[in-house]
Amino acid sequence: MTPDQLRSALRAAPFVPFRIHLVDQRTFDVPHSEFAAMNASGRVAHVFAHDREVAEVIDVALIVSLSPIDGNPSRAQAA
């Protein structure tokens, strides 16, 4: 996945909640654009879970795909 693909998903209007899929099979939900942020270079993303006070730090190069949380495959984005 490129930083621009993730940035586009975060800036979509209207925002569509999505799930981040990593190469190690972990997933992270982004229910709103305020639950994730990227550094200036786009290499690192921080994802915040509503039930935790600590953000997960993710190397964007390890993101395999994004999929809508509602399960609509037509909105899925692949690397």
PDB file of N, CA and C in Angstrom:
ATOM      1  N   MET A   1       0.840  -1.168   0.000  1.00  0.00           N
ATOM      2  CA  MET A   1       0.000   0.000   0.000  1.00  0.00           C
ATOM      3  C   MET A   1       0.885   1.230   0.000  1.00  0.00           C
ATOM      4  N   THR A   2       0.472   2.216  -0.744  1.00  0.00           N
ATOM      5  CA  THR A   2       1.237   3.457  -0.776  1.00  0.00           C
ATOM      6  C   THR A   2       0.676   4.430   0.264  1.00  0.00           C
ATOM      7  N   PRO A   3       1.503   5.351   0.714  1.00  0.00           N
ATOM      8  CA  PRO A   3       0.995   6.367   1.640  1.00  0.00           C
ATOM      9  C   PRO A   3      -0.180   7.151   1.048  1.00  0.00           C
ATOM     10  N   ASP A   4      -0.149   7.412  -0.249  1.00  0.00           N
ATOM     11  CA  ASP A   4      -1.236   8.164  -0.879  1.00  0.00           C
ATOM     12  C   ASP A   4      -2.563   7.415  -0.811  1.00  0.00           C
ATOM     13  N   GLN A   5      -2.530   6.081  -0.923  1.00  0.00           N
ATOM     14  CA  GLN A   5      -3.765   5.298  -0.832  1.00  0.00           C
ATOM     15  C   GLN A   5      -4.375   5.408   0.563  1.00  0.00           C
ATOM     16  N   LEU A   6      -3.537   5.296   1.583  1.00  0.00           N
ATOM     17  CA  LEU A   6      -4.043   5.425   2.948  1.00  0.00           C
ATOM     18  C   LEU A   6      -4.516   6.850   3.210  1.00  0.00           C
ATOM     19  N   ARG A   7      -3.759   7.819   2.758  1.00  0.00           N
ATOM     20  CA  ARG A   7      -4.132   9.226   2.936  1.00  0.00           C
ATOM     21  C   ARG A   7      -5.483   9.506   2.275  1.00  0.00           C
ATOM     22  N   SER A   8      -5.703   8.946   1.097  1.00  0.00           N
ATOM     23  CA  SER A   8      -6.985   9.132   0.399  1.00  0.00           C
ATOM     24  C   SER A   8      -8.145   8.554   1.200  1.00  0.00           C
ATOM     25  N   ALA A   9      -7.938   7.381   1.785  1.00  0.00           N
ATOM     26  CA  ALA A   9      -8.992   6.762   2.597  1.00  0.00           C
ATOM     27  C   ALA A   9      -9.296   7.614   3.826  1.00  0.00           C
ATOM     28  N   LEU A  10      -8.269   8.191   4.420  1.00  0.00           N
ATOM     29  CA  LEU A  10      -8.467   9.022   5.608  1.00  0.00           C
ATOM     30  C   LEU A  10      -9.135  10.352   5.283  1.00  0.00           C
ATOM     31  N   ARG A  11      -8.949  10.841   4.069  1.00  0.00           N
ATOM     32  CA  ARG A  11      -9.498  12.145   3.674  1.00  0.00           C
ATOM     33  C   ARG A  11     -10.796  12.041   2.881  1.00  0.00           C
ATOM     34  N   ALA A  12     -11.285  10.835   2.672  1.00  0.00           N
ATOM     35  CA  ALA A  12     -12.491  10.645   1.863  1.00  0.00           C
ATOM     36  C   ALA A  12     -13.656  11.452   2.439  1.00  0.00           C
ATOM     37  N   ALA A  13     -14.428  12.040   1.539  1.00  0.00           N
ATOM     38  CA  ALA A  13     -15.614  12.788   1.951  1.00  0.00           C
ATOM     39  C   ALA A  13     -16.798  12.316   1.114  1.00  0.00           C
ATOM     40  N   PRO A  14     -17.777  11.689   1.696  1.00  0.00           N
ATOM     41  CA  PRO A  14     -17.868  11.401   3.121  1.00  0.00           C
ATOM     42  C   PRO A  14     -16.911  10.270   3.513  1.00  0.00           C
ATOM     43  N   PHE A  15     -16.499  10.292   4.761  1.00  0.00           N
ATOM     44  CA  PHE A  15     -15.587   9.270   5.266  1.00  0.00           C
ATOM     45  C   PHE A  15     -16.298   7.920   5.324  1.00  0.00           C
ATOM     46  N   VAL A  16     -15.588   6.877   4.884  1.00  0.00           N
ATOM     47  CA  VAL A  16     -16.101   5.506   4.946  1.00  0.00           C
ATOM     48  C   VAL A  16     -15.242   4.739   5.945  1.00  0.00           C
ATOM     49  N   PRO A  17     -15.810   4.274   7.060  1.00  0.00           N
ATOM     50  CA  PRO A  17     -15.025   3.505   8.028  1.00  0.00           C
ATOM     51  C   PRO A  17     -14.368   2.309   7.347  1.00  0.00           C
ATOM     52  N   PHE A  18     -13.106   2.026   7.723  1.00  0.00           N
ATOM     53  CA  PHE A  18     -12.398   0.931   7.065  1.00  0.00           C
ATOM     54  C   PHE A  18     -11.532   0.154   8.039  1.00  0.00           C
ATOM     55  N   ARG A  19     -11.116  -1.012   7.576  1.00  0.00           N
ATOM     56  CA  ARG A  19     -10.241  -1.897   8.345  1.00  0.00           C
ATOM     57  C   ARG A  19      -8.902  -1.976   7.621  1.00  0.00           C
ATOM     58  N   ILE A  20      -7.826  -1.837   8.382  1.00  0.00           N
ATOM     59  CA  ILE A  20      -6.467  -1.973   7.855  1.00  0.00           C
ATOM     60  C   ILE A  20      -6.041  -3.422   8.039  1.00  0.00           C
ATOM     61  N   HIS A  21      -5.538  -4.050   6.982  1.00  0.00           N
ATOM     62  CA  HIS A  21      -5.047  -5.428   7.024  1.00  0.00           C
ATOM     63  C   HIS A  21      -3.530  -5.400   6.841  1.00  0.00           C
ATOM     64  N   LEU A  22      -2.810  -6.000   7.794  1.00  0.00           N
ATOM     65  CA  LEU A  22      -1.349  -6.040   7.732  1.00  0.00           C
ATOM     66  C   LEU A  22      -0.848  -7.386   7.228  1.00  0.00           C
ATOM     67  N   VAL A  23       0.418  -7.418   6.813  1.00  0.00           N
ATOM     68  CA  VAL A  23       1.013  -8.656   6.299  1.00  0.00           C
ATOM     69  C   VAL A  23       1.024  -9.766   7.343  1.00  0.00           C
ATOM     70  N   ASP A  24       1.040  -9.428   8.624  1.00  0.00           N
ATOM     71  CA  ASP A  24       1.069 -10.451   9.678  1.00  0.00           C
ATOM     72  C   ASP A  24      -0.336 -10.879  10.116  1.00  0.00           C
ATOM     73  N   GLN A  25      -1.347 -10.540   9.338  1.00  0.00           N
ATOM     74  CA  GLN A  25      -2.750 -10.908   9.547  1.00  0.00           C
ATOM     75  C   GLN A  25      -3.469 -10.073  10.612  1.00  0.00           C
ATOM     76  N   ARG A  26      -2.789  -9.132  11.255  1.00  0.00           N
ATOM     77  CA  ARG A  26      -3.480  -8.268  12.211  1.00  0.00           C
ATOM     78  C   ARG A  26      -4.353  -7.276  11.458  1.00  0.00           C
ATOM     79  N   THR A  27      -5.408  -6.835  12.115  1.00  0.00           N
ATOM     80  CA  THR A  27      -6.291  -5.827  11.536  1.00  0.00           C
ATOM     81  C   THR A  27      -6.534  -4.720  12.557  1.00  0.00           C
ATOM     82  N   PHE A  28      -6.809  -3.535  12.035  1.00  0.00           N
ATOM     83  CA  PHE A  28      -7.107  -2.377  12.869  1.00  0.00           C
ATOM     84  C   PHE A  28      -8.271  -1.628  12.236  1.00  0.00           C
ATOM     85  N   ASP A  29      -9.287  -1.345  13.034  1.00  0.00           N
ATOM     86  CA  ASP A  29     -10.444  -0.615  12.535  1.00  0.00           C
ATOM     87  C   ASP A  29     -10.235   0.886  12.677  1.00  0.00           C
ATOM     88  N   VAL A  30     -10.674   1.602  11.652  1.00  0.00           N
ATOM     89  CA  VAL A  30     -10.636   3.069  11.659  1.00  0.00           C
ATOM     90  C   VAL A  30     -12.084   3.533  11.454  1.00  0.00           C
ATOM     91  N   PRO A  31     -12.831   3.694  12.560  1.00  0.00           N
ATOM     92  CA  PRO A  31     -14.245   4.054  12.444  1.00  0.00           C
ATOM     93  C   PRO A  31     -14.486   5.511  12.044  1.00  0.00           C
ATOM     94  N   HIS A  32     -13.462   6.342  12.206  1.00  0.00           N
ATOM     95  CA  HIS A  32     -13.565   7.759  11.850  1.00  0.00           C
ATOM     96  C   HIS A  32     -12.155   8.248  11.544  1.00  0.00           C
ATOM     97  N   SER A  33     -12.042   9.247  10.702  1.00  0.00           N
ATOM     98  CA  SER A  33     -10.717   9.738  10.306  1.00  0.00           C
ATOM     99  C   SER A  33      -9.887  10.225  11.491  1.00  0.00           C
ATOM    100  N   GLU A  34     -10.529  10.610  12.571  1.00  0.00           N
ATOM    101  CA  GLU A  34      -9.796  11.083  13.748  1.00  0.00           C
ATOM    102  C   GLU A  34      -9.132   9.948  14.532  1.00  0.00           C
ATOM    103  N   PHE A  35      -9.394   8.695  14.146  1.00  0.00           N
ATOM    104  CA  PHE A  35      -8.797   7.552  14.827  1.00  0.00           C
ATOM    105  C   PHE A  35      -7.471   7.135  14.202  1.00  0.00           C
ATOM    106  N   ALA A  36      -6.998   7.858  13.202  1.00  0.00           N
ATOM    107  CA  ALA A  36      -5.723   7.522  12.565  1.00  0.00           C
ATOM    108  C   ALA A  36      -5.029   8.796  12.108  1.00  0.00           C
ATOM    109  N   ALA A  37      -3.701   8.729  12.074  1.00  0.00           N
ATOM    110  CA  ALA A  37      -2.898   9.861  11.613  1.00  0.00           C
ATOM    111  C   ALA A  37      -1.637   9.310  10.965  1.00  0.00           C
ATOM    112  N   MET A  38      -1.103  10.084  10.040  1.00  0.00           N
ATOM    113  CA  MET A  38       0.135   9.695   9.369  1.00  0.00           C
ATOM    114  C   MET A  38       1.189  10.757   9.631  1.00  0.00           C
ATOM    115  N   ASN A  39       2.461  10.327   9.651  1.00  0.00           N
ATOM    116  CA  ASN A  39       3.526  11.317   9.784  1.00  0.00           C
ATOM    117  C   ASN A  39       3.717  12.015   8.439  1.00  0.00           C
ATOM    118  N   ALA A  40       4.519  13.053   8.407  1.00  0.00           N
ATOM    119  CA  ALA A  40       4.675  13.873   7.199  1.00  0.00           C
ATOM    120  C   ALA A  40       5.186  13.081   6.002  1.00  0.00           C
ATOM    121  N   SER A  41       6.080  12.137   6.227  1.00  0.00           N
ATOM    122  CA  SER A  41       6.629  11.355   5.114  1.00  0.00           C
ATOM    123  C   SER A  41       5.649  10.309   4.606  1.00  0.00           C
ATOM    124  N   GLY A  42       4.656   9.945   5.415  1.00  0.00           N
ATOM    125  CA  GLY A  42       3.693   8.927   5.018  1.00  0.00           C
ATOM    126  C   GLY A  42       4.159   7.507   5.270  1.00  0.00           C
ATOM    127  N   ARG A  43       5.312   7.332   5.871  1.00  0.00           N
ATOM    128  CA  ARG A  43       5.830   5.980   6.128  1.00  0.00           C
ATOM    129  C   ARG A  43       5.221   5.344   7.360  1.00  0.00           C
ATOM    130  N   VAL A  44       4.723   6.153   8.280  1.00  0.00           N
ATOM    131  CA  VAL A  44       4.215   5.641   9.553  1.00  0.00           C
ATOM    132  C   VAL A  44       2.791   6.142   9.777  1.00  0.00           C
ATOM    133  N   ALA A  45       1.940   5.236  10.249  1.00  0.00           N
ATOM    134  CA  ALA A  45       0.580   5.604  10.633  1.00  0.00           C
ATOM    135  C   ALA A  45       0.382   5.262  12.101  1.00  0.00           C
ATOM    136  N   HIS A  46      -0.389   6.073  12.772  1.00  0.00           N
ATOM    137  CA  HIS A  46      -0.767   5.824  14.161  1.00  0.00           C
ATOM    138  C   HIS A  46      -2.267   5.567  14.153  1.00  0.00           C
ATOM    139  N   VAL A  47      -2.666   4.429  14.721  1.00  0.00           N
ATOM    140  CA  VAL A  47      -4.082   4.077  14.765  1.00  0.00           C
ATOM    141  C   VAL A  47      -4.494   3.973  16.228  1.00  0.00           C
ATOM    142  N   PHE A  48      -5.554   4.682  16.569  1.00  0.00           N
ATOM    143  CA  PHE A  48      -6.043   4.730  17.941  1.00  0.00           C
ATOM    144  C   PHE A  48      -7.292   3.871  18.071  1.00  0.00           C
ATOM    145  N   ALA A  49      -7.319   3.006  19.071  1.00  0.00           N
ATOM    146  CA  ALA A  49      -8.505   2.204  19.357  1.00  0.00           C
ATOM    147  C   ALA A  49      -9.328   2.928  20.413  1.00  0.00           C
ATOM    148  N   HIS A  50     -10.645   2.874  20.278  1.00  0.00           N
ATOM    149  CA  HIS A  50     -11.497   3.595  21.229  1.00  0.00           C
ATOM    150  C   HIS A  50     -11.414   3.020  22.639  1.00  0.00           C
ATOM    151  N   ASP A  51     -10.963   1.775  22.773  1.00  0.00           N
ATOM    152  CA  ASP A  51     -10.910   1.137  24.089  1.00  0.00           C
ATOM    153  C   ASP A  51      -9.502   1.112  24.691  1.00  0.00           C
ATOM    154  N   ARG A  52      -8.549   1.766  24.044  1.00  0.00           N
ATOM    155  CA  ARG A  52      -7.176   1.793  24.552  1.00  0.00           C
ATOM    156  C   ARG A  52      -6.649   3.215  24.510  1.00  0.00           C
ATOM    157  N   GLU A  53      -5.731   3.512  25.403  1.00  0.00           N
ATOM    158  CA  GLU A  53      -5.149   4.853  25.446  1.00  0.00           C
ATOM    159  C   GLU A  53      -3.865   4.959  24.639  1.00  0.00           C
ATOM    160  N   VAL A  54      -3.393   3.852  24.116  1.00  0.00           N
ATOM    161  CA  VAL A  54      -2.129   3.825  23.387  1.00  0.00           C
ATOM    162  C   VAL A  54      -2.409   3.587  21.904  1.00  0.00           C
ATOM    163  N   ALA A  55      -1.722   4.326  21.055  1.00  0.00           N
ATOM    164  CA  ALA A  55      -1.873   4.150  19.613  1.00  0.00           C
ATOM    165  C   ALA A  55      -0.956   3.041  19.121  1.00  0.00           C
ATOM    166  N   GLU A  56      -1.414   2.318  18.114  1.00  0.00           N
ATOM    167  CA  GLU A  56      -0.564   1.359  17.423  1.00  0.00           C
ATOM    168  C   GLU A  56       0.217   2.132  16.370  1.00  0.00           C
ATOM    169  N   VAL A  57       1.502   1.883  16.285  1.00  0.00           N
ATOM    170  CA  VAL A  57       2.342   2.513  15.277  1.00  0.00           C
ATOM    171  C   VAL A  57       2.552   1.488  14.175  1.00  0.00           C
ATOM    172  N   ILE A  58       2.179   1.851  12.956  1.00  0.00           N
ATOM    173  CA  ILE A  58       2.189   0.917  11.832  1.00  0.00           C
ATOM    174  C   ILE A  58       3.068   1.454  10.716  1.00  0.00           C
ATOM    175  N   ASP A  59       3.940   0.603  10.202  1.00  0.00           N
ATOM    176  CA  ASP A  59       4.711   0.919   9.002  1.00  0.00           C
ATOM    177  C   ASP A  59       3.755   0.766   7.820  1.00  0.00           C
ATOM    178  N   VAL A  60       3.497   1.823   7.099  1.00  0.00           N
ATOM    179  CA  VAL A  60       2.523   1.803   6.010  1.00  0.00           C
ATOM    180  C   VAL A  60       2.891   0.766   4.947  1.00  0.00           C
ATOM    181  N   ALA A  61       4.172   0.488   4.772  1.00  0.00           N
ATOM    182  CA  ALA A  61       4.600  -0.518   3.794  1.00  0.00           C
ATOM    183  C   ALA A  61       4.113  -1.919   4.162  1.00  0.00           C
ATOM    184  N   LEU A  62       3.718  -2.136   5.415  1.00  0.00           N
ATOM    185  CA  LEU A  62       3.239  -3.446   5.858  1.00  0.00           C
ATOM    186  C   LEU A  62       1.731  -3.604   5.728  1.00  0.00           C
ATOM    187  N   ILE A  63       1.060  -2.574   5.217  1.00  0.00           N
ATOM    188  CA  ILE A  63      -0.384  -2.662   4.998  1.00  0.00           C
ATOM    189  C   ILE A  63      -0.630  -3.383   3.679  1.00  0.00           C
ATOM    190  N   VAL A  64      -1.404  -4.464   3.758  1.00  0.00           N
ATOM    191  CA  VAL A  64      -1.730  -5.256   2.571  1.00  0.00           C
ATOM    192  C   VAL A  64      -2.926  -4.658   1.845  1.00  0.00           C
ATOM    193  N   SER A  65      -3.954  -4.282   2.613  1.00  0.00           N
ATOM    194  CA  SER A  65      -5.161  -3.746   1.992  1.00  0.00           C
ATOM    195  C   SER A  65      -5.998  -3.000   3.015  1.00  0.00           C
ATOM    196  N   LEU A  66      -6.983  -2.290   2.492  1.00  0.00           N
ATOM    197  CA  LEU A  66      -8.005  -1.635   3.295  1.00  0.00           C
ATOM    198  C   LEU A  66      -9.341  -2.197   2.845  1.00  0.00           C
ATOM    199  N   SER A  67     -10.233  -2.416   3.789  1.00  0.00           N
ATOM    200  CA  SER A  67     -11.573  -2.866   3.418  1.00  0.00           C
ATOM    201  C   SER A  67     -12.586  -2.098   4.250  1.00  0.00           C
ATOM    202  N   PRO A  68     -13.728  -1.791   3.664  1.00  0.00           N
ATOM    203  CA  PRO A  68     -14.752  -1.073   4.421  1.00  0.00           C
ATOM    204  C   PRO A  68     -15.227  -1.934   5.587  1.00  0.00           C
ATOM    205  N   ILE A  69     -15.479  -1.327   6.705  1.00  0.00           N
ATOM    206  CA  ILE A  69     -15.964  -2.076   7.866  1.00  0.00           C
ATOM    207  C   ILE A  69     -17.352  -2.634   7.610  1.00  0.00           C
ATOM    208  N   ASP A  70     -18.138  -1.952   6.792  1.00  0.00           N
ATOM    209  CA  ASP A  70     -19.483  -2.457   6.512  1.00  0.00           C
ATOM    210  C   ASP A  70     -19.465  -3.680   5.597  1.00  0.00           C
ATOM    211  N   GLY A  71     -18.289  -4.058   5.083  1.00  0.00           N
ATOM    212  CA  GLY A  71     -18.160  -5.270   4.285  1.00  0.00           C
ATOM    213  C   GLY A  71     -18.468  -5.112   2.816  1.00  0.00           C
ATOM    214  N   ASN A  72     -18.653  -3.896   2.338  1.00  0.00           N
ATOM    215  CA  ASN A  72     -18.953  -3.667   0.928  1.00  0.00           C
ATOM    216  C   ASN A  72     -17.680  -3.822   0.101  1.00  0.00           C
ATOM    217  N   PRO A  73     -17.510  -4.960  -0.603  1.00  0.00           N
ATOM    218  CA  PRO A  73     -16.259  -5.202  -1.320  1.00  0.00           C
ATOM    219  C   PRO A  73     -15.989  -4.229  -2.455  1.00  0.00           C
ATOM    220  N   SER A  74     -17.004  -3.545  -2.955  1.00  0.00           N
ATOM    221  CA  SER A  74     -16.774  -2.609  -4.054  1.00  0.00           C
ATOM    222  C   SER A  74     -15.980  -1.391  -3.602  1.00  0.00           C
ATOM    223  N   ARG A  75     -15.913  -1.141  -2.298  1.00  0.00           N
ATOM    224  CA  ARG A  75     -15.158   0.001  -1.788  1.00  0.00           C
ATOM    225  C   ARG A  75     -13.776  -0.392  -1.283  1.00  0.00           C
ATOM    226  N   ALA A  76     -13.437  -1.679  -1.366  1.00  0.00           N
ATOM    227  CA  ALA A  76     -12.139  -2.140  -0.865  1.00  0.00           C
ATOM    228  C   ALA A  76     -11.020  -1.590  -1.729  1.00  0.00           C
ATOM    229  N   GLN A  77      -9.870  -1.329  -1.089  1.00  0.00           N
ATOM    230  CA  GLN A  77      -8.687  -0.856  -1.801  1.00  0.00           C
ATOM    231  C   GLN A  77      -7.565  -1.832  -1.527  1.00  0.00           C
ATOM    232  N   ALA A  78      -6.903  -2.279  -2.566  1.00  0.00           N
ATOM    233  CA  ALA A  78      -5.775  -3.199  -2.401  1.00  0.00           C
ATOM    234  C   ALA A  78      -4.490  -2.497  -2.785  1.00  0.00           C
ATOM    235  N   ALA A  79      -3.394  -3.043  -2.305  1.00  0.00           N
ATOM    236  CA  ALA A  79      -2.074  -2.475  -2.621  1.00  0.00           C
ATOM    237  C   ALA A  79      -1.712  -2.740  -4.058  1.00  0.00           C
TER     238      ALA A  79
END
